[in-house]
Amino acid sequence: FLQNKKNYFDVIITDSSDPVGPAESLYQ
């Protein structure tokens, strides 16, 4: 989703689970 968004949001909150499984990429 983020790869298609540029210079748009004022705040981004990542409410993810731990960096295993589906959320692993969100800690890179």
PDB file of all heavy atoms in Angstrom:
ATOM      1  N   PHE A   1       0.825  -1.206   0.000  1.00  0.00           N
ATOM      2  CA  PHE A   1       0.000   0.000   0.000  1.00  0.00           C
ATOM      3  C   PHE A   1       0.860   1.256   0.000  1.00  0.00           C
ATOM      4  O   PHE A   1       0.592   2.212  -0.742  1.00  0.00           O
ATOM      5  CB  PHE A   1      -0.918  -0.028   1.225  1.00  0.00           C
ATOM      6  CG  PHE A   1      -1.856   1.148   1.328  1.00  0.00           C
ATOM      7  CD1 PHE A   1      -3.043   1.172   0.605  1.00  0.00           C
ATOM      8  CD2 PHE A   1      -1.569   2.223   2.151  1.00  0.00           C
ATOM      9  CE1 PHE A   1      -3.916   2.253   0.705  1.00  0.00           C
ATOM     10  CE2 PHE A   1      -2.432   3.302   2.260  1.00  0.00           C
ATOM     11  CZ  PHE A   1      -3.605   3.309   1.524  1.00  0.00           C
ATOM     12  N   LEU A   2       1.906   1.253   0.814  1.00  0.00           N
ATOM     13  CA  LEU A   2       2.756   2.437   0.937  1.00  0.00           C
ATOM     14  C   LEU A   2       3.561   2.706  -0.327  1.00  0.00           C
ATOM     15  O   LEU A   2       3.906   3.858  -0.610  1.00  0.00           O
ATOM     16  CB  LEU A   2       3.713   2.274   2.123  1.00  0.00           C
ATOM     17  CG  LEU A   2       3.105   2.518   3.503  1.00  0.00           C
ATOM     18  CD1 LEU A   2       4.097   2.139   4.589  1.00  0.00           C
ATOM     19  CD2 LEU A   2       2.684   3.971   3.669  1.00  0.00           C
ATOM     20  N   GLN A   3       3.862   1.675  -1.084  1.00  0.00           N
ATOM     21  CA  GLN A   3       4.662   1.879  -2.287  1.00  0.00           C
ATOM     22  C   GLN A   3       3.921   2.738  -3.315  1.00  0.00           C
ATOM     23  O   GLN A   3       4.551   3.313  -4.207  1.00  0.00           O
ATOM     24  CB  GLN A   3       5.053   0.521  -2.890  1.00  0.00           C
ATOM     25  CG  GLN A   3       5.997  -0.258  -1.991  1.00  0.00           C
ATOM     26  CD  GLN A   3       6.672  -1.417  -2.688  1.00  0.00           C
ATOM     27  OE1 GLN A   3       7.597  -1.223  -3.482  1.00  0.00           O
ATOM     28  NE2 GLN A   3       6.217  -2.619  -2.391  1.00  0.00           N
ATOM     29  N   ASN A   4       2.610   2.816  -3.175  1.00  0.00           N
ATOM     30  CA  ASN A   4       1.813   3.615  -4.107  1.00  0.00           C
ATOM     31  C   ASN A   4       1.411   4.969  -3.538  1.00  0.00           C
ATOM     32  O   ASN A   4       0.573   5.667  -4.117  1.00  0.00           O
ATOM     33  CB  ASN A   4       0.554   2.833  -4.506  1.00  0.00           C
ATOM     34  CG  ASN A   4       0.894   1.534  -5.206  1.00  0.00           C
ATOM     35  OD1 ASN A   4       1.712   1.517  -6.105  1.00  0.00           O
ATOM     36  ND2 ASN A   4       0.270   0.438  -4.767  1.00  0.00           N
ATOM     37  N   LYS A   5       1.970   5.324  -2.376  1.00  0.00           N
ATOM     38  CA  LYS A   5       1.633   6.596  -1.736  1.00  0.00           C
ATOM     39  C   LYS A   5       2.904   7.426  -1.570  1.00  0.00           C
ATOM     40  O   LYS A   5       3.903   6.949  -1.027  1.00  0.00           O
ATOM     41  CB  LYS A   5       1.004   6.359  -0.360  1.00  0.00           C
ATOM     42  CG  LYS A   5      -0.355   5.679  -0.403  1.00  0.00           C
ATOM     43  CD  LYS A   5      -1.424   6.606  -0.958  1.00  0.00           C
ATOM     44  CE  LYS A   5      -2.790   5.952  -0.961  1.00  0.00           C
ATOM     45  NZ  LYS A   5      -3.813   6.826  -1.523  1.00  0.00           N
ATOM     46  N   LYS A   6       2.855   8.648  -2.012  1.00  0.00           N
ATOM     47  CA  LYS A   6       4.012   9.532  -1.866  1.00  0.00           C
ATOM     48  C   LYS A   6       3.532  10.905  -1.373  1.00  0.00           C
ATOM     49  O   LYS A   6       2.560  11.455  -1.911  1.00  0.00           O
ATOM     50  CB  LYS A   6       4.755   9.703  -3.198  1.00  0.00           C
ATOM     51  CG  LYS A   6       5.413   8.424  -3.708  1.00  0.00           C
ATOM     52  CD  LYS A   6       6.664   8.098  -2.927  1.00  0.00           C
ATOM     53  CE  LYS A   6       7.372   6.856  -3.458  1.00  0.00           C
ATOM     54  NZ  LYS A   6       6.744   5.591  -3.048  1.00  0.00           N
ATOM     55  N   ASN A   7       4.197  11.412  -0.324  1.00  0.00           N
ATOM     56  CA  ASN A   7       3.962  12.788   0.120  1.00  0.00           C
ATOM     57  C   ASN A   7       2.474  13.063   0.364  1.00  0.00           C
ATOM     58  O   ASN A   7       1.930  14.062  -0.098  1.00  0.00           O
ATOM     59  CB  ASN A   7       4.517  13.767  -0.931  1.00  0.00           C
ATOM     60  CG  ASN A   7       4.591  15.193  -0.420  1.00  0.00           C
ATOM     61  OD1 ASN A   7       4.897  15.421   0.737  1.00  0.00           O
ATOM     62  ND2 ASN A   7       4.285  16.144  -1.295  1.00  0.00           N
ATOM     63  N   TYR A   8       1.816  12.176   1.109  1.00  0.00           N
ATOM     64  CA  TYR A   8       0.370  12.307   1.256  1.00  0.00           C
ATOM     65  C   TYR A   8      -0.096  12.438   2.708  1.00  0.00           C
ATOM     66  O   TYR A   8      -0.919  13.291   3.025  1.00  0.00           O
ATOM     67  CB  TYR A   8      -0.325  11.106   0.612  1.00  0.00           C
ATOM     68  CG  TYR A   8      -1.830  11.250   0.566  1.00  0.00           C
ATOM     69  CD1 TYR A   8      -2.440  11.998  -0.441  1.00  0.00           C
ATOM     70  CD2 TYR A   8      -2.645  10.649   1.529  1.00  0.00           C
ATOM     71  CE1 TYR A   8      -3.817  12.153  -0.474  1.00  0.00           C
ATOM     72  CE2 TYR A   8      -4.025  10.798   1.496  1.00  0.00           C
ATOM     73  CZ  TYR A   8      -4.612  11.544   0.490  1.00  0.00           C
ATOM     74  OH  TYR A   8      -5.969  11.701   0.460  1.00  0.00           O
ATOM     75  N   PHE A   9       0.431  11.613   3.604  1.00  0.00           N
ATOM     76  CA  PHE A   9      -0.096  11.563   4.977  1.00  0.00           C
ATOM     77  C   PHE A   9       0.685  12.479   5.918  1.00  0.00           C
ATOM     78  O   PHE A   9       1.873  12.743   5.725  1.00  0.00           O
ATOM     79  CB  PHE A   9      -0.051  10.131   5.512  1.00  0.00           C
ATOM     80  CG  PHE A   9      -0.982   9.197   4.786  1.00  0.00           C
ATOM     81  CD1 PHE A   9      -0.499   8.294   3.850  1.00  0.00           C
ATOM     82  CD2 PHE A   9      -2.350   9.235   5.021  1.00  0.00           C
ATOM     83  CE1 PHE A   9      -1.356   7.443   3.164  1.00  0.00           C
ATOM     84  CE2 PHE A   9      -3.218   8.390   4.341  1.00  0.00           C
ATOM     85  CZ  PHE A   9      -2.716   7.495   3.414  1.00  0.00           C
ATOM     86  N   ASP A  10      -0.009  12.945   6.955  1.00  0.00           N
ATOM     87  CA  ASP A  10       0.643  13.731   8.007  1.00  0.00           C
ATOM     88  C   ASP A  10       1.178  12.847   9.120  1.00  0.00           C
ATOM     89  O   ASP A  10       2.222  13.155   9.706  1.00  0.00           O
ATOM     90  CB  ASP A  10      -0.354  14.738   8.593  1.00  0.00           C
ATOM     91  CG  ASP A  10      -0.812  15.744   7.560  1.00  0.00           C
ATOM     92  OD1 ASP A  10       0.051  16.415   6.968  1.00  0.00           O
ATOM     93  OD2 ASP A  10      -2.031  15.851   7.331  1.00  0.00           O
ATOM     94  N   VAL A  11       0.465  11.777   9.428  1.00  0.00           N
ATOM     95  CA  VAL A  11       0.886  10.832  10.464  1.00  0.00           C
ATOM     96  C   VAL A  11       0.606   9.419   9.968  1.00  0.00           C
ATOM     97  O   VAL A  11      -0.463   9.156   9.393  1.00  0.00           O
ATOM     98  CB  VAL A  11       0.146  11.073  11.802  1.00  0.00           C
ATOM     99  CG1 VAL A  11       0.573  10.035  12.850  1.00  0.00           C
ATOM    100  CG2 VAL A  11       0.404  12.481  12.321  1.00  0.00           C
ATOM    101  N   ILE A  12       1.560   8.517  10.192  1.00  0.00           N
ATOM    102  CA  ILE A  12       1.366   7.092   9.904  1.00  0.00           C
ATOM    103  C   ILE A  12       1.592   6.319  11.199  1.00  0.00           C
ATOM    104  O   ILE A  12       2.647   6.449  11.835  1.00  0.00           O
ATOM    105  CB  ILE A  12       2.323   6.588   8.811  1.00  0.00           C
ATOM    106  CG1 ILE A  12       2.071   7.322   7.493  1.00  0.00           C
ATOM    107  CG2 ILE A  12       2.166   5.072   8.620  1.00  0.00           C
ATOM    108  CD1 ILE A  12       3.077   6.982   6.391  1.00  0.00           C
ATOM    109  N   ILE A  13       0.604   5.520  11.579  1.00  0.00           N
ATOM    110  CA  ILE A  13       0.700   4.692  12.778  1.00  0.00           C
ATOM    111  C   ILE A  13       0.704   3.229  12.359  1.00  0.00           C
ATOM    112  O   ILE A  13      -0.221   2.778  11.667  1.00  0.00           O
ATOM    113  CB  ILE A  13      -0.479   4.973  13.738  1.00  0.00           C
ATOM    114  CG1 ILE A  13      -0.448   6.438  14.187  1.00  0.00           C
ATOM    115  CG2 ILE A  13      -0.426   4.026  14.941  1.00  0.00           C
ATOM    116  CD1 ILE A  13      -1.652   6.863  14.999  1.00  0.00           C
ATOM    117  N   THR A  14       1.741   2.518  12.751  1.00  0.00           N
ATOM    118  CA  THR A  14       1.824   1.095  12.442  1.00  0.00           C
ATOM    119  C   THR A  14       1.498   0.296  13.690  1.00  0.00           C
ATOM    120  O   THR A  14       2.325   0.167  14.598  1.00  0.00           O
ATOM    121  CB  THR A  14       3.219   0.717  11.908  1.00  0.00           C
ATOM    122  OG1 THR A  14       3.507   1.502  10.752  1.00  0.00           O
ATOM    123  CG2 THR A  14       3.264  -0.754  11.529  1.00  0.00           C
ATOM    124  N   ASP A  15       0.268  -0.192  13.733  1.00  0.00           N
ATOM    125  CA  ASP A  15      -0.222  -0.995  14.854  1.00  0.00           C
ATOM    126  C   ASP A  15      -0.093  -2.458  14.457  1.00  0.00           C
ATOM    127  O   ASP A  15      -1.068  -3.112  14.092  1.00  0.00           O
ATOM    128  CB  ASP A  15      -1.675  -0.618  15.161  1.00  0.00           C
ATOM    129  CG  ASP A  15      -2.289  -1.479  16.247  1.00  0.00           C
ATOM    130  OD1 ASP A  15      -1.530  -2.167  16.957  1.00  0.00           O
ATOM    131  OD2 ASP A  15      -3.525  -1.479  16.374  1.00  0.00           O
ATOM    132  N   SER A  16       1.124  -2.957  14.507  1.00  0.00           N
ATOM    133  CA  SER A  16       1.395  -4.295  13.996  1.00  0.00           C
ATOM    134  C   SER A  16       1.559  -5.298  15.131  1.00  0.00           C
ATOM    135  O   SER A  16       1.824  -4.935  16.282  1.00  0.00           O
ATOM    136  CB  SER A  16       2.674  -4.284  13.149  1.00  0.00           C
ATOM    137  OG  SER A  16       3.785  -4.002  13.972  1.00  0.00           O
ATOM    138  N   SER A  17       1.427  -6.563  14.772  1.00  0.00           N
ATOM    139  CA  SER A  17       1.800  -7.629  15.691  1.00  0.00           C
ATOM    140  C   SER A  17       3.324  -7.747  15.682  1.00  0.00           C
ATOM    141  O   SER A  17       4.027  -6.928  15.091  1.00  0.00           O
ATOM    142  CB  SER A  17       1.118  -8.940  15.288  1.00  0.00           C
ATOM    143  OG  SER A  17       1.310  -9.206  13.913  1.00  0.00           O
ATOM    144  N   ASP A  18       3.843  -8.769  16.344  1.00  0.00           N
ATOM    145  CA  ASP A  18       5.297  -8.913  16.480  1.00  0.00           C
ATOM    146  C   ASP A  18       5.939  -9.299  15.146  1.00  0.00           C
ATOM    147  O   ASP A  18       5.258  -9.791  14.232  1.00  0.00           O
ATOM    148  CB  ASP A  18       5.607  -9.962  17.551  1.00  0.00           C
ATOM    149  CG  ASP A  18       5.043  -9.558  18.908  1.00  0.00           C
ATOM    150  OD1 ASP A  18       5.389  -8.469  19.377  1.00  0.00           O
ATOM    151  OD2 ASP A  18       4.240 -10.322  19.479  1.00  0.00           O
ATOM    152  N   PRO A  19       7.260  -9.099  15.008  1.00  0.00           N
ATOM    153  CA  PRO A  19       7.930  -9.301  13.714  1.00  0.00           C
ATOM    154  C   PRO A  19       8.149 -10.769  13.350  1.00  0.00           C
ATOM    155  O   PRO A  19       9.250 -11.209  13.049  1.00  0.00           O
ATOM    156  CB  PRO A  19       9.252  -8.554  13.885  1.00  0.00           C
ATOM    157  CG  PRO A  19       9.521  -8.581  15.339  1.00  0.00           C
ATOM    158  CD  PRO A  19       8.173  -8.495  15.998  1.00  0.00           C
ATOM    159  N   VAL A  20       7.071 -11.535  13.422  1.00  0.00           N
ATOM    160  CA  VAL A  20       7.045 -12.904  12.908  1.00  0.00           C
ATOM    161  C   VAL A  20       5.737 -13.043  12.138  1.00  0.00           C
ATOM    162  O   VAL A  20       4.741 -12.407  12.469  1.00  0.00           O
ATOM    163  CB  VAL A  20       7.121 -13.961  14.042  1.00  0.00           C
ATOM    164  CG1 VAL A  20       8.490 -13.967  14.679  1.00  0.00           C
ATOM    165  CG2 VAL A  20       6.051 -13.714  15.102  1.00  0.00           C
ATOM    166  N   GLY A  21       5.735 -13.835  11.093  1.00  0.00           N
ATOM    167  CA  GLY A  21       4.504 -14.014  10.325  1.00  0.00           C
ATOM    168  C   GLY A  21       4.167 -12.803   9.482  1.00  0.00           C
ATOM    169  O   GLY A  21       5.054 -12.166   8.901  1.00  0.00           O
ATOM    170  N   PRO A  22       2.868 -12.432   9.421  1.00  0.00           N
ATOM    171  CA  PRO A  22       2.428 -11.381   8.486  1.00  0.00           C
ATOM    172  C   PRO A  22       3.095 -10.034   8.703  1.00  0.00           C
ATOM    173  O   PRO A  22       3.177  -9.230   7.777  1.00  0.00           O
ATOM    174  CB  PRO A  22       0.921 -11.284   8.754  1.00  0.00           C
ATOM    175  CG  PRO A  22       0.536 -12.567   9.384  1.00  0.00           C
ATOM    176  CD  PRO A  22       1.738 -13.038  10.144  1.00  0.00           C
ATOM    177  N   ALA A  23       3.560  -9.730   9.927  1.00  0.00           N
ATOM    178  CA  ALA A  23       4.094  -8.394  10.229  1.00  0.00           C
ATOM    179  C   ALA A  23       5.613  -8.297  10.094  1.00  0.00           C
ATOM    180  O   ALA A  23       6.186  -7.242  10.361  1.00  0.00           O
ATOM    181  CB  ALA A  23       3.683  -7.988  11.648  1.00  0.00           C
ATOM    182  N   GLU A  24       6.250  -9.359   9.665  1.00  0.00           N
ATOM    183  CA  GLU A  24       7.726  -9.373   9.663  1.00  0.00           C
ATOM    184  C   GLU A  24       8.329  -8.226   8.862  1.00  0.00           C
ATOM    185  O   GLU A  24       9.292  -7.581   9.288  1.00  0.00           O
ATOM    186  CB  GLU A  24       8.224 -10.718   9.124  1.00  0.00           C
ATOM    187  CG  GLU A  24       9.731 -10.885   9.219  1.00  0.00           C
ATOM    188  CD  GLU A  24      10.193 -12.278   8.796  1.00  0.00           C
ATOM    189  OE1 GLU A  24       9.355 -13.092   8.400  1.00  0.00           O
ATOM    190  OE2 GLU A  24      11.409 -12.531   8.884  1.00  0.00           O
ATOM    191  N   SER A  25       7.744  -7.921   7.712  1.00  0.00           N
ATOM    192  CA  SER A  25       8.317  -6.886   6.837  1.00  0.00           C
ATOM    193  C   SER A  25       8.210  -5.492   7.437  1.00  0.00           C
ATOM    194  O   SER A  25       8.900  -4.562   7.002  1.00  0.00           O
ATOM    195  CB  SER A  25       7.634  -6.911   5.468  1.00  0.00           C
ATOM    196  OG  SER A  25       6.282  -6.497   5.570  1.00  0.00           O
ATOM    197  N   LEU A  26       7.358  -5.324   8.470  1.00  0.00           N
ATOM    198  CA  LEU A  26       7.116  -3.992   9.024  1.00  0.00           C
ATOM    199  C   LEU A  26       8.194  -3.560  10.023  1.00  0.00           C
ATOM    200  O   LEU A  26       8.105  -2.478  10.595  1.00  0.00           O
ATOM    201  CB  LEU A  26       5.738  -3.942   9.689  1.00  0.00           C
ATOM    202  CG  LEU A  26       4.556  -4.387   8.814  1.00  0.00           C
ATOM    203  CD1 LEU A  26       3.243  -4.166   9.540  1.00  0.00           C
ATOM    204  CD2 LEU A  26       4.548  -3.667   7.467  1.00  0.00           C
ATOM    205  N   TYR A  27       9.196  -4.408  10.229  1.00  0.00           N
ATOM    206  CA  TYR A  27      10.290  -4.072  11.147  1.00  0.00           C
ATOM    207  C   TYR A  27      11.612  -3.929  10.395  1.00  0.00           C
ATOM    208  O   TYR A  27      12.676  -4.049  10.972  1.00  0.00           O
ATOM    209  CB  TYR A  27      10.416  -5.140  12.237  1.00  0.00           C
ATOM    210  CG  TYR A  27       9.282  -5.102  13.240  1.00  0.00           C
ATOM    211  CD1 TYR A  27       8.040  -5.638  12.935  1.00  0.00           C
ATOM    212  CD2 TYR A  27       9.443  -4.502  14.487  1.00  0.00           C
ATOM    213  CE1 TYR A  27       6.993  -5.594  13.839  1.00  0.00           C
ATOM    214  CE2 TYR A  27       8.404  -4.455  15.398  1.00  0.00           C
ATOM    215  CZ  TYR A  27       7.179  -5.004  15.066  1.00  0.00           C
ATOM    216  OH  TYR A  27       6.146  -4.950  15.964  1.00  0.00           O
ATOM    217  N   GLN A  28      11.534  -3.629   9.111  1.00  0.00           N
ATOM    218  CA  GLN A  28      12.725  -3.518   8.287  1.00  0.00           C
ATOM    219  C   GLN A  28      12.934  -2.070   7.834  1.00  0.00           C
ATOM    220  O   GLN A  28      11.989  -1.289   7.747  1.00  0.00           O
ATOM    221  CB  GLN A  28      12.607  -4.449   7.071  1.00  0.00           C
ATOM    222  CG  GLN A  28      12.478  -5.915   7.451  1.00  0.00           C
ATOM    223  CD  GLN A  28      12.114  -6.800   6.273  1.00  0.00           C
ATOM    224  OE1 GLN A  28      12.020  -6.343   5.131  1.00  0.00           O
ATOM    225  NE2 GLN A  28      11.891  -8.074   6.540  1.00  0.00           N
TER     226      GLN A  28
END
